[in-house]
Amino acid sequence: MYVTISDFIKEWNKEAILTQKILDGLTDDSLKQHVYPEGRTLGRIAWHLTTSIPDYLVHFGFKINGVENSESVPTSAKEIAETFQRVSADAAKVIEQQWTDESLNQIQEAFGRQETNASILIGLIKHIVHHRGQVTVLMRQAGIKPFGVYGPPKEDWIHLGVENPPL
């Protein structure tokens, strides 16, 4: 639980860097990778991860600009990565500017439940992490080695002297 905005911003920035590294590894062709034939594409999930940040914050009272043409998934991986970089930096800025440490204890309705603002911010990070995990799996299916988020990808264990990495 966050007790200061500064605590949240530190974690937000760490998670944003990790997400940025994943998104920077996407290719235009990889954006077409489907979860399953009728399912969403990697591009749709990466774009949702990006565009949902300002939408989420607006829902909870922040004044932040949304992403233009957010309904139309770009065909450029670079555009998605650049948009995420801008949106995540904007999010940190508006949260720092518009809420105080005391704001974190305030309660509001969040998806049918009464939640503290601190819990609402935790939910934002969890949402990003959830979709980032989906993106890494789809990257594998698209033939791309993902960046190691909380540890190395399987190909990099050998560099650490581990020939049979744990699952």
N, C-alpha and C. Protein backbone atom coordinates (compact mmCIF):
# COMPACT_ATOMS: atom_id res chain seq x y z
N MET A 1 0.84 -1.17 0.00
CA MET A 1 0.00 0.00 0.00
C MET A 1 0.89 1.24 0.00
N TYR A 2 0.53 2.16 -0.84
CA TYR A 2 1.29 3.41 -0.90
C TYR A 2 0.83 4.36 0.20
N VAL A 3 1.80 4.96 0.87
CA VAL A 3 1.45 5.97 1.87
C VAL A 3 1.86 7.36 1.41
N THR A 4 2.68 7.41 0.35
CA THR A 4 3.04 8.71 -0.23
C THR A 4 2.94 8.61 -1.75
N ILE A 5 2.66 9.74 -2.35
CA ILE A 5 2.65 9.81 -3.81
C ILE A 5 4.03 9.46 -4.35
N SER A 6 5.06 9.89 -3.65
CA SER A 6 6.44 9.60 -4.06
C SER A 6 6.69 8.09 -4.13
N ASP A 7 6.15 7.33 -3.17
CA ASP A 7 6.29 5.86 -3.21
C ASP A 7 5.65 5.30 -4.47
N PHE A 8 4.45 5.78 -4.77
CA PHE A 8 3.78 5.30 -5.98
C PHE A 8 4.59 5.67 -7.22
N ILE A 9 5.03 6.91 -7.32
CA ILE A 9 5.75 7.37 -8.52
C ILE A 9 7.02 6.55 -8.74
N LYS A 10 7.72 6.22 -7.68
CA LYS A 10 8.93 5.39 -7.81
C LYS A 10 8.58 4.04 -8.43
N GLU A 11 7.54 3.40 -7.92
CA GLU A 11 7.15 2.10 -8.47
C GLU A 11 6.60 2.24 -9.88
N TRP A 12 5.77 3.26 -10.11
CA TRP A 12 5.22 3.50 -11.44
C TRP A 12 6.34 3.65 -12.46
N ASN A 13 7.33 4.45 -12.13
CA ASN A 13 8.43 4.69 -13.07
C ASN A 13 9.23 3.42 -13.34
N LYS A 14 9.45 2.59 -12.31
CA LYS A 14 10.16 1.31 -12.52
C LYS A 14 9.36 0.40 -13.45
N GLU A 15 8.06 0.29 -13.19
CA GLU A 15 7.22 -0.57 -14.03
C GLU A 15 7.09 -0.01 -15.44
N ALA A 16 7.05 1.31 -15.56
CA ALA A 16 6.96 1.92 -16.89
C ALA A 16 8.23 1.63 -17.70
N ILE A 17 9.38 1.67 -17.06
CA ILE A 17 10.64 1.35 -17.76
C ILE A 17 10.61 -0.09 -18.26
N LEU A 18 10.16 -1.01 -17.41
CA LEU A 18 10.08 -2.43 -17.81
C LEU A 18 9.10 -2.61 -18.96
N THR A 19 7.96 -1.96 -18.88
CA THR A 19 6.97 -2.05 -19.95
C THR A 19 7.52 -1.44 -21.23
N GLN A 20 8.21 -0.32 -21.10
CA GLN A 20 8.79 0.33 -22.27
C GLN A 20 9.77 -0.60 -22.98
N LYS A 21 10.58 -1.32 -22.23
CA LYS A 21 11.54 -2.25 -22.84
C LYS A 21 10.83 -3.36 -23.59
N ILE A 22 9.71 -3.83 -23.05
CA ILE A 22 8.92 -4.84 -23.75
C ILE A 22 8.37 -4.25 -25.05
N LEU A 23 7.75 -3.09 -24.96
CA LEU A 23 7.14 -2.48 -26.14
C LEU A 23 8.19 -2.10 -27.19
N ASP A 24 9.36 -1.70 -26.74
CA ASP A 24 10.44 -1.39 -27.69
C ASP A 24 10.90 -2.61 -28.48
N GLY A 25 10.61 -3.80 -27.96
CA GLY A 25 10.99 -5.04 -28.65
C GLY A 25 10.00 -5.51 -29.69
N LEU A 26 8.86 -4.85 -29.78
CA LEU A 26 7.86 -5.25 -30.77
C LEU A 26 8.29 -4.86 -32.17
N THR A 27 7.80 -5.60 -33.14
CA THR A 27 7.99 -5.25 -34.55
C THR A 27 6.61 -5.01 -35.16
N ASP A 28 6.60 -4.32 -36.28
CA ASP A 28 5.32 -4.08 -36.95
C ASP A 28 4.62 -5.39 -37.27
N ASP A 29 5.38 -6.37 -37.74
CA ASP A 29 4.80 -7.65 -38.10
C ASP A 29 4.24 -8.39 -36.88
N SER A 30 4.92 -8.25 -35.73
CA SER A 30 4.48 -8.96 -34.52
C SER A 30 3.12 -8.47 -34.02
N LEU A 31 2.75 -7.25 -34.38
CA LEU A 31 1.48 -6.69 -33.91
C LEU A 31 0.28 -7.50 -34.41
N LYS A 32 0.48 -8.27 -35.46
CA LYS A 32 -0.60 -9.08 -36.06
C LYS A 32 -0.81 -10.40 -35.34
N GLN A 33 0.07 -10.76 -34.41
CA GLN A 33 -0.01 -12.05 -33.71
C GLN A 33 -1.31 -12.11 -32.91
N HIS A 34 -2.11 -13.15 -33.18
CA HIS A 34 -3.38 -13.33 -32.48
C HIS A 34 -3.22 -14.20 -31.25
N VAL A 35 -4.04 -13.92 -30.24
CA VAL A 35 -4.10 -14.78 -29.06
C VAL A 35 -4.62 -16.15 -29.51
N TYR A 36 -5.67 -16.15 -30.28
CA TYR A 36 -6.26 -17.31 -30.96
C TYR A 36 -6.93 -16.74 -32.20
N PRO A 37 -7.31 -17.56 -33.17
CA PRO A 37 -7.76 -17.02 -34.47
C PRO A 37 -8.76 -15.87 -34.40
N GLU A 38 -9.76 -15.95 -33.53
CA GLU A 38 -10.76 -14.89 -33.46
C GLU A 38 -10.42 -13.87 -32.36
N GLY A 39 -9.34 -14.07 -31.66
CA GLY A 39 -9.01 -13.24 -30.51
C GLY A 39 -8.29 -11.95 -30.87
N ARG A 40 -8.00 -11.19 -29.83
CA ARG A 40 -7.29 -9.93 -30.02
C ARG A 40 -5.87 -10.19 -30.50
N THR A 41 -5.30 -9.17 -31.07
CA THR A 41 -3.92 -9.26 -31.53
C THR A 41 -2.98 -8.67 -30.48
N LEU A 42 -1.72 -8.98 -30.64
CA LEU A 42 -0.70 -8.38 -29.80
C LEU A 42 -0.78 -6.86 -29.90
N GLY A 43 -0.97 -6.35 -31.10
CA GLY A 43 -1.08 -4.91 -31.28
C GLY A 43 -2.24 -4.32 -30.53
N ARG A 44 -3.39 -4.98 -30.56
CA ARG A 44 -4.58 -4.49 -29.83
C ARG A 44 -4.32 -4.47 -28.33
N ILE A 45 -3.67 -5.51 -27.80
CA ILE A 45 -3.40 -5.57 -26.36
C ILE A 45 -2.38 -4.50 -25.97
N ALA A 46 -1.32 -4.35 -26.75
CA ALA A 46 -0.31 -3.33 -26.45
C ALA A 46 -0.92 -1.93 -26.52
N TRP A 47 -1.81 -1.72 -27.48
CA TRP A 47 -2.46 -0.41 -27.63
C TRP A 47 -3.42 -0.17 -26.46
N HIS A 48 -4.16 -1.21 -26.07
CA HIS A 48 -5.06 -1.09 -24.92
C HIS A 48 -4.27 -0.76 -23.65
N LEU A 49 -3.17 -1.47 -23.44
CA LEU A 49 -2.32 -1.21 -22.29
C LEU A 49 -1.93 0.27 -22.25
N THR A 50 -1.63 0.83 -23.39
CA THR A 50 -1.18 2.22 -23.51
C THR A 50 -2.34 3.21 -23.34
N THR A 51 -3.39 3.02 -24.10
CA THR A 51 -4.48 4.01 -24.12
C THR A 51 -5.36 3.96 -22.88
N SER A 52 -5.33 2.85 -22.17
CA SER A 52 -6.18 2.74 -20.98
C SER A 52 -5.65 3.55 -19.80
N ILE A 53 -4.39 3.93 -19.82
CA ILE A 53 -3.82 4.67 -18.69
C ILE A 53 -4.56 6.00 -18.48
N PRO A 54 -4.63 6.88 -19.48
CA PRO A 54 -5.36 8.12 -19.22
C PRO A 54 -6.85 7.89 -19.00
N ASP A 55 -7.44 6.91 -19.66
CA ASP A 55 -8.85 6.62 -19.46
C ASP A 55 -9.11 6.23 -18.00
N TYR A 56 -8.26 5.39 -17.46
CA TYR A 56 -8.36 4.95 -16.06
C TYR A 56 -8.26 6.15 -15.13
N LEU A 57 -7.26 7.00 -15.37
CA LEU A 57 -7.05 8.15 -14.49
C LEU A 57 -8.21 9.14 -14.56
N VAL A 58 -8.75 9.37 -15.75
CA VAL A 58 -9.90 10.27 -15.89
C VAL A 58 -11.08 9.73 -15.09
N HIS A 59 -11.27 8.42 -15.15
CA HIS A 59 -12.37 7.78 -14.42
C HIS A 59 -12.31 8.09 -12.92
N PHE A 60 -11.10 8.28 -12.40
CA PHE A 60 -10.93 8.53 -10.97
C PHE A 60 -10.62 9.99 -10.65
N GLY A 61 -10.99 10.88 -11.58
CA GLY A 61 -10.97 12.30 -11.28
C GLY A 61 -9.77 13.09 -11.74
N PHE A 62 -8.83 12.45 -12.41
CA PHE A 62 -7.66 13.20 -12.88
C PHE A 62 -7.99 13.95 -14.17
N LYS A 63 -7.32 15.05 -14.34
CA LYS A 63 -7.41 15.80 -15.59
C LYS A 63 -6.15 15.46 -16.39
N ILE A 64 -6.34 14.66 -17.43
CA ILE A 64 -5.24 14.22 -18.28
C ILE A 64 -5.81 14.00 -19.68
N ASN A 65 -5.04 14.34 -20.67
CA ASN A 65 -5.47 14.13 -22.05
C ASN A 65 -5.43 12.65 -22.41
N GLY A 66 -6.47 12.22 -23.11
CA GLY A 66 -6.49 10.86 -23.62
C GLY A 66 -5.63 10.75 -24.86
N VAL A 67 -5.60 9.57 -25.44
CA VAL A 67 -4.83 9.32 -26.65
C VAL A 67 -5.75 9.53 -27.85
N GLU A 68 -5.32 10.37 -28.79
CA GLU A 68 -6.12 10.59 -30.00
C GLU A 68 -6.22 9.29 -30.79
N ASN A 69 -7.37 9.10 -31.40
CA ASN A 69 -7.62 7.90 -32.22
C ASN A 69 -7.35 6.62 -31.45
N SER A 70 -7.73 6.59 -30.17
CA SER A 70 -7.42 5.43 -29.34
C SER A 70 -8.16 4.16 -29.77
N GLU A 71 -9.20 4.30 -30.55
CA GLU A 71 -9.95 3.13 -31.02
C GLU A 71 -9.26 2.44 -32.20
N SER A 72 -8.38 3.15 -32.86
CA SER A 72 -7.70 2.61 -34.05
C SER A 72 -6.29 2.15 -33.69
N VAL A 73 -6.08 0.84 -33.74
CA VAL A 73 -4.78 0.27 -33.37
C VAL A 73 -3.74 0.60 -34.45
N PRO A 74 -2.63 1.22 -34.06
CA PRO A 74 -1.59 1.54 -35.05
C PRO A 74 -0.98 0.27 -35.65
N THR A 75 -0.48 0.40 -36.84
CA THR A 75 0.24 -0.71 -37.48
C THR A 75 1.74 -0.57 -37.24
N SER A 76 2.13 0.47 -36.54
CA SER A 76 3.53 0.74 -36.25
C SER A 76 3.84 0.45 -34.78
N ALA A 77 4.74 -0.50 -34.56
CA ALA A 77 5.17 -0.81 -33.19
C ALA A 77 5.84 0.40 -32.56
N LYS A 78 6.57 1.14 -33.36
CA LYS A 78 7.25 2.33 -32.85
C LYS A 78 6.24 3.35 -32.33
N GLU A 79 5.13 3.50 -33.01
CA GLU A 79 4.10 4.45 -32.57
C GLU A 79 3.52 4.04 -31.22
N ILE A 80 3.28 2.75 -31.05
CA ILE A 80 2.75 2.27 -29.77
C ILE A 80 3.77 2.54 -28.66
N ALA A 81 5.03 2.19 -28.90
CA ALA A 81 6.07 2.39 -27.89
C ALA A 81 6.24 3.87 -27.55
N GLU A 82 6.24 4.72 -28.55
CA GLU A 82 6.41 6.16 -28.30
C GLU A 82 5.20 6.73 -27.56
N THR A 83 4.02 6.25 -27.90
CA THR A 83 2.82 6.73 -27.22
C THR A 83 2.84 6.29 -25.76
N PHE A 84 3.23 5.05 -25.51
CA PHE A 84 3.32 4.59 -24.12
C PHE A 84 4.30 5.44 -23.33
N GLN A 85 5.43 5.74 -23.92
CA GLN A 85 6.44 6.54 -23.23
C GLN A 85 5.86 7.90 -22.82
N ARG A 86 5.14 8.52 -23.73
CA ARG A 86 4.53 9.83 -23.44
C ARG A 86 3.43 9.70 -22.39
N VAL A 87 2.55 8.72 -22.57
CA VAL A 87 1.41 8.55 -21.68
C VAL A 87 1.87 8.20 -20.26
N SER A 88 2.85 7.33 -20.13
CA SER A 88 3.30 6.94 -18.78
C SER A 88 3.97 8.11 -18.08
N ALA A 89 4.72 8.92 -18.81
CA ALA A 89 5.34 10.11 -18.21
C ALA A 89 4.27 11.13 -17.82
N ASP A 90 3.26 11.32 -18.68
CA ASP A 90 2.17 12.23 -18.37
C ASP A 90 1.41 11.77 -17.12
N ALA A 91 1.19 10.47 -17.02
CA ALA A 91 0.47 9.92 -15.87
C ALA A 91 1.21 10.23 -14.58
N ALA A 92 2.51 10.00 -14.55
CA ALA A 92 3.29 10.30 -13.35
C ALA A 92 3.17 11.77 -12.98
N LYS A 93 3.25 12.61 -14.00
CA LYS A 93 3.20 14.05 -13.76
C LYS A 93 1.85 14.48 -13.18
N VAL A 94 0.76 14.03 -13.77
CA VAL A 94 -0.55 14.48 -13.28
C VAL A 94 -0.86 13.90 -11.90
N ILE A 95 -0.43 12.70 -11.64
CA ILE A 95 -0.67 12.12 -10.31
C ILE A 95 0.09 12.93 -9.26
N GLU A 96 1.33 13.27 -9.55
CA GLU A 96 2.12 14.10 -8.63
C GLU A 96 1.50 15.48 -8.42
N GLN A 97 0.97 16.03 -9.50
CA GLN A 97 0.42 17.39 -9.43
C GLN A 97 -0.98 17.45 -8.83
N GLN A 98 -1.78 16.40 -9.04
CA GLN A 98 -3.20 16.50 -8.71
C GLN A 98 -3.61 15.78 -7.42
N TRP A 99 -2.78 14.89 -6.92
CA TRP A 99 -3.09 14.24 -5.66
C TRP A 99 -1.97 14.51 -4.67
N THR A 100 -2.33 14.45 -3.39
CA THR A 100 -1.36 14.61 -2.30
C THR A 100 -1.27 13.29 -1.55
N ASP A 101 -0.37 13.22 -0.61
CA ASP A 101 -0.27 12.01 0.22
C ASP A 101 -1.61 11.74 0.92
N GLU A 102 -2.29 12.80 1.32
CA GLU A 102 -3.58 12.65 1.99
C GLU A 102 -4.64 12.09 1.03
N SER A 103 -4.52 12.41 -0.24
CA SER A 103 -5.47 11.91 -1.24
C SER A 103 -5.49 10.38 -1.28
N LEU A 104 -4.38 9.76 -0.95
CA LEU A 104 -4.29 8.30 -1.04
C LEU A 104 -5.24 7.60 -0.09
N ASN A 105 -5.61 8.26 1.01
CA ASN A 105 -6.51 7.65 1.99
C ASN A 105 -7.98 7.87 1.68
N GLN A 106 -8.27 8.76 0.75
CA GLN A 106 -9.66 9.02 0.39
C GLN A 106 -10.26 7.79 -0.29
N ILE A 107 -11.55 7.63 -0.12
CA ILE A 107 -12.24 6.46 -0.66
C ILE A 107 -13.20 6.91 -1.75
N GLN A 108 -13.23 6.14 -2.81
CA GLN A 108 -14.21 6.36 -3.88
C GLN A 108 -14.60 5.01 -4.47
N GLU A 109 -15.66 5.04 -5.27
CA GLU A 109 -16.12 3.79 -5.88
C GLU A 109 -15.21 3.44 -7.05
N ALA A 110 -14.78 2.20 -7.04
CA ALA A 110 -13.91 1.69 -8.11
C ALA A 110 -14.45 0.34 -8.55
N PHE A 111 -15.10 0.34 -9.71
CA PHE A 111 -15.59 -0.90 -10.30
C PHE A 111 -16.53 -1.65 -9.35
N GLY A 112 -17.44 -0.88 -8.73
CA GLY A 112 -18.46 -1.47 -7.88
C GLY A 112 -18.05 -1.68 -6.43
N ARG A 113 -16.83 -1.29 -6.07
CA ARG A 113 -16.36 -1.44 -4.69
C ARG A 113 -15.88 -0.10 -4.15
N GLN A 114 -15.89 0.04 -2.86
CA GLN A 114 -15.31 1.22 -2.22
C GLN A 114 -13.82 0.94 -2.02
N GLU A 115 -12.98 1.78 -2.60
CA GLU A 115 -11.53 1.58 -2.54
C GLU A 115 -10.84 2.88 -2.15
N THR A 116 -9.71 2.76 -1.49
CA THR A 116 -8.90 3.95 -1.25
C THR A 116 -8.23 4.33 -2.56
N ASN A 117 -7.85 5.57 -2.66
CA ASN A 117 -7.13 6.01 -3.86
C ASN A 117 -5.80 5.27 -3.99
N ALA A 118 -5.19 4.91 -2.86
CA ALA A 118 -3.96 4.12 -2.93
C ALA A 118 -4.23 2.78 -3.61
N SER A 119 -5.33 2.14 -3.28
CA SER A 119 -5.69 0.86 -3.92
C SER A 119 -6.00 1.05 -5.40
N ILE A 120 -6.60 2.17 -5.72
CA ILE A 120 -6.91 2.47 -7.12
C ILE A 120 -5.61 2.59 -7.93
N LEU A 121 -4.59 3.22 -7.35
CA LEU A 121 -3.30 3.33 -8.05
C LEU A 121 -2.61 1.97 -8.16
N ILE A 122 -2.75 1.14 -7.13
CA ILE A 122 -2.23 -0.23 -7.22
C ILE A 122 -2.91 -0.96 -8.38
N GLY A 123 -4.21 -0.75 -8.52
CA GLY A 123 -4.96 -1.37 -9.61
C GLY A 123 -4.45 -0.95 -10.97
N LEU A 124 -4.04 0.30 -11.10
CA LEU A 124 -3.49 0.78 -12.36
C LEU A 124 -2.21 0.02 -12.70
N ILE A 125 -1.33 -0.11 -11.74
CA ILE A 125 -0.08 -0.85 -11.99
C ILE A 125 -0.38 -2.31 -12.31
N LYS A 126 -1.27 -2.93 -11.57
CA LYS A 126 -1.61 -4.34 -11.82
C LYS A 126 -2.19 -4.52 -13.22
N HIS A 127 -2.97 -3.56 -13.67
CA HIS A 127 -3.55 -3.64 -15.01
C HIS A 127 -2.44 -3.63 -16.07
N ILE A 128 -1.48 -2.75 -15.90
CA ILE A 128 -0.35 -2.66 -16.84
C ILE A 128 0.46 -3.95 -16.81
N VAL A 129 0.75 -4.45 -15.62
CA VAL A 129 1.55 -5.67 -15.48
C VAL A 129 0.82 -6.86 -16.11
N HIS A 130 -0.48 -6.95 -15.89
CA HIS A 130 -1.28 -8.03 -16.47
C HIS A 130 -1.15 -8.05 -18.00
N HIS A 131 -1.36 -6.91 -18.62
CA HIS A 131 -1.30 -6.86 -20.08
C HIS A 131 0.14 -6.98 -20.59
N ARG A 132 1.09 -6.51 -19.83
CA ARG A 132 2.49 -6.69 -20.23
C ARG A 132 2.83 -8.18 -20.30
N GLY A 133 2.31 -8.96 -19.36
CA GLY A 133 2.51 -10.41 -19.39
C GLY A 133 1.90 -11.03 -20.64
N GLN A 134 0.70 -10.58 -21.00
CA GLN A 134 0.09 -11.08 -22.23
C GLN A 134 0.96 -10.76 -23.44
N VAL A 135 1.48 -9.54 -23.47
CA VAL A 135 2.31 -9.11 -24.60
C VAL A 135 3.56 -9.99 -24.71
N THR A 136 4.18 -10.33 -23.58
CA THR A 136 5.41 -11.13 -23.66
C THR A 136 5.12 -12.54 -24.20
N VAL A 137 3.98 -13.11 -23.81
CA VAL A 137 3.62 -14.43 -24.34
C VAL A 137 3.38 -14.34 -25.85
N LEU A 138 2.68 -13.32 -26.29
CA LEU A 138 2.41 -13.17 -27.72
C LEU A 138 3.69 -12.85 -28.49
N MET A 139 4.62 -12.17 -27.87
CA MET A 139 5.92 -11.94 -28.53
C MET A 139 6.59 -13.27 -28.81
N ARG A 140 6.57 -14.17 -27.83
CA ARG A 140 7.15 -15.51 -28.02
C ARG A 140 6.47 -16.21 -29.20
N GLN A 141 5.14 -16.13 -29.24
CA GLN A 141 4.41 -16.78 -30.32
C GLN A 141 4.74 -16.15 -31.67
N ALA A 142 5.12 -14.88 -31.66
CA ALA A 142 5.49 -14.18 -32.89
C ALA A 142 6.97 -14.37 -33.23
N GLY A 143 7.69 -15.15 -32.42
CA GLY A 143 9.09 -15.43 -32.70
C GLY A 143 10.07 -14.39 -32.18
N ILE A 144 9.63 -13.56 -31.23
CA ILE A 144 10.50 -12.51 -30.68
C ILE A 144 10.89 -12.88 -29.26
N LYS A 145 12.17 -12.75 -28.95
CA LYS A 145 12.64 -12.94 -27.58
C LYS A 145 12.28 -11.70 -26.78
N PRO A 146 11.47 -11.85 -25.72
CA PRO A 146 11.12 -10.68 -24.93
C PRO A 146 12.23 -10.26 -23.99
N PHE A 147 12.17 -9.02 -23.59
CA PHE A 147 13.07 -8.49 -22.58
C PHE A 147 12.75 -9.19 -21.26
N GLY A 148 13.75 -9.50 -20.47
CA GLY A 148 13.52 -10.10 -19.15
C GLY A 148 13.02 -9.06 -18.18
N VAL A 149 11.82 -9.23 -17.70
CA VAL A 149 11.20 -8.23 -16.84
C VAL A 149 11.66 -8.38 -15.40
N TYR A 150 11.32 -9.47 -14.74
CA TYR A 150 11.73 -9.68 -13.35
C TYR A 150 12.82 -10.73 -13.25
N GLY A 151 13.33 -11.11 -14.37
CA GLY A 151 14.40 -12.09 -14.47
C GLY A 151 14.69 -12.28 -15.94
N PRO A 152 15.75 -13.02 -16.24
CA PRO A 152 16.13 -13.17 -17.65
C PRO A 152 15.17 -14.07 -18.43
N PRO A 153 15.06 -13.83 -19.75
CA PRO A 153 14.31 -14.78 -20.57
C PRO A 153 15.13 -16.07 -20.68
N LYS A 154 14.51 -17.12 -21.12
CA LYS A 154 15.16 -18.44 -21.12
C LYS A 154 16.49 -18.44 -21.86
N GLU A 155 16.60 -17.66 -22.92
CA GLU A 155 17.85 -17.65 -23.71
C GLU A 155 19.03 -17.05 -22.94
N ASP A 156 18.75 -16.23 -21.95
CA ASP A 156 19.83 -15.54 -21.24
C ASP A 156 20.32 -16.25 -19.99
N TRP A 157 19.65 -17.32 -19.58
CA TRP A 157 20.10 -18.05 -18.40
C TRP A 157 21.49 -18.63 -18.60
N ILE A 158 21.80 -19.05 -19.81
CA ILE A 158 23.11 -19.65 -20.09
C ILE A 158 24.24 -18.68 -19.77
N HIS A 159 23.99 -17.39 -19.95
CA HIS A 159 25.00 -16.37 -19.64
C HIS A 159 25.23 -16.24 -18.15
N LEU A 160 24.30 -16.79 -17.38
CA LEU A 160 24.42 -16.77 -15.93
C LEU A 160 24.94 -18.10 -15.39
N GLY A 161 25.35 -18.97 -16.31
CA GLY A 161 25.89 -20.26 -15.92
C GLY A 161 24.84 -21.31 -15.63
N VAL A 162 23.61 -21.08 -16.06
CA VAL A 162 22.52 -22.03 -15.82
C VAL A 162 22.13 -22.62 -17.17
N GLU A 163 22.37 -23.95 -17.31
CA GLU A 163 22.05 -24.59 -18.59
C GLU A 163 20.61 -25.06 -18.67
N ASN A 164 20.03 -25.43 -17.55
CA ASN A 164 18.63 -25.86 -17.50
C ASN A 164 17.88 -24.92 -16.58
N PRO A 165 17.36 -23.81 -17.12
CA PRO A 165 16.71 -22.81 -16.27
C PRO A 165 15.44 -23.35 -15.63
N PRO A 166 15.11 -22.79 -14.46
CA PRO A 166 13.86 -23.20 -13.81
C PRO A 166 12.67 -22.72 -14.64
N LEU A 167 11.56 -23.38 -14.46
CA LEU A 167 10.34 -23.01 -15.20
C LEU A 167 9.72 -21.78 -14.68
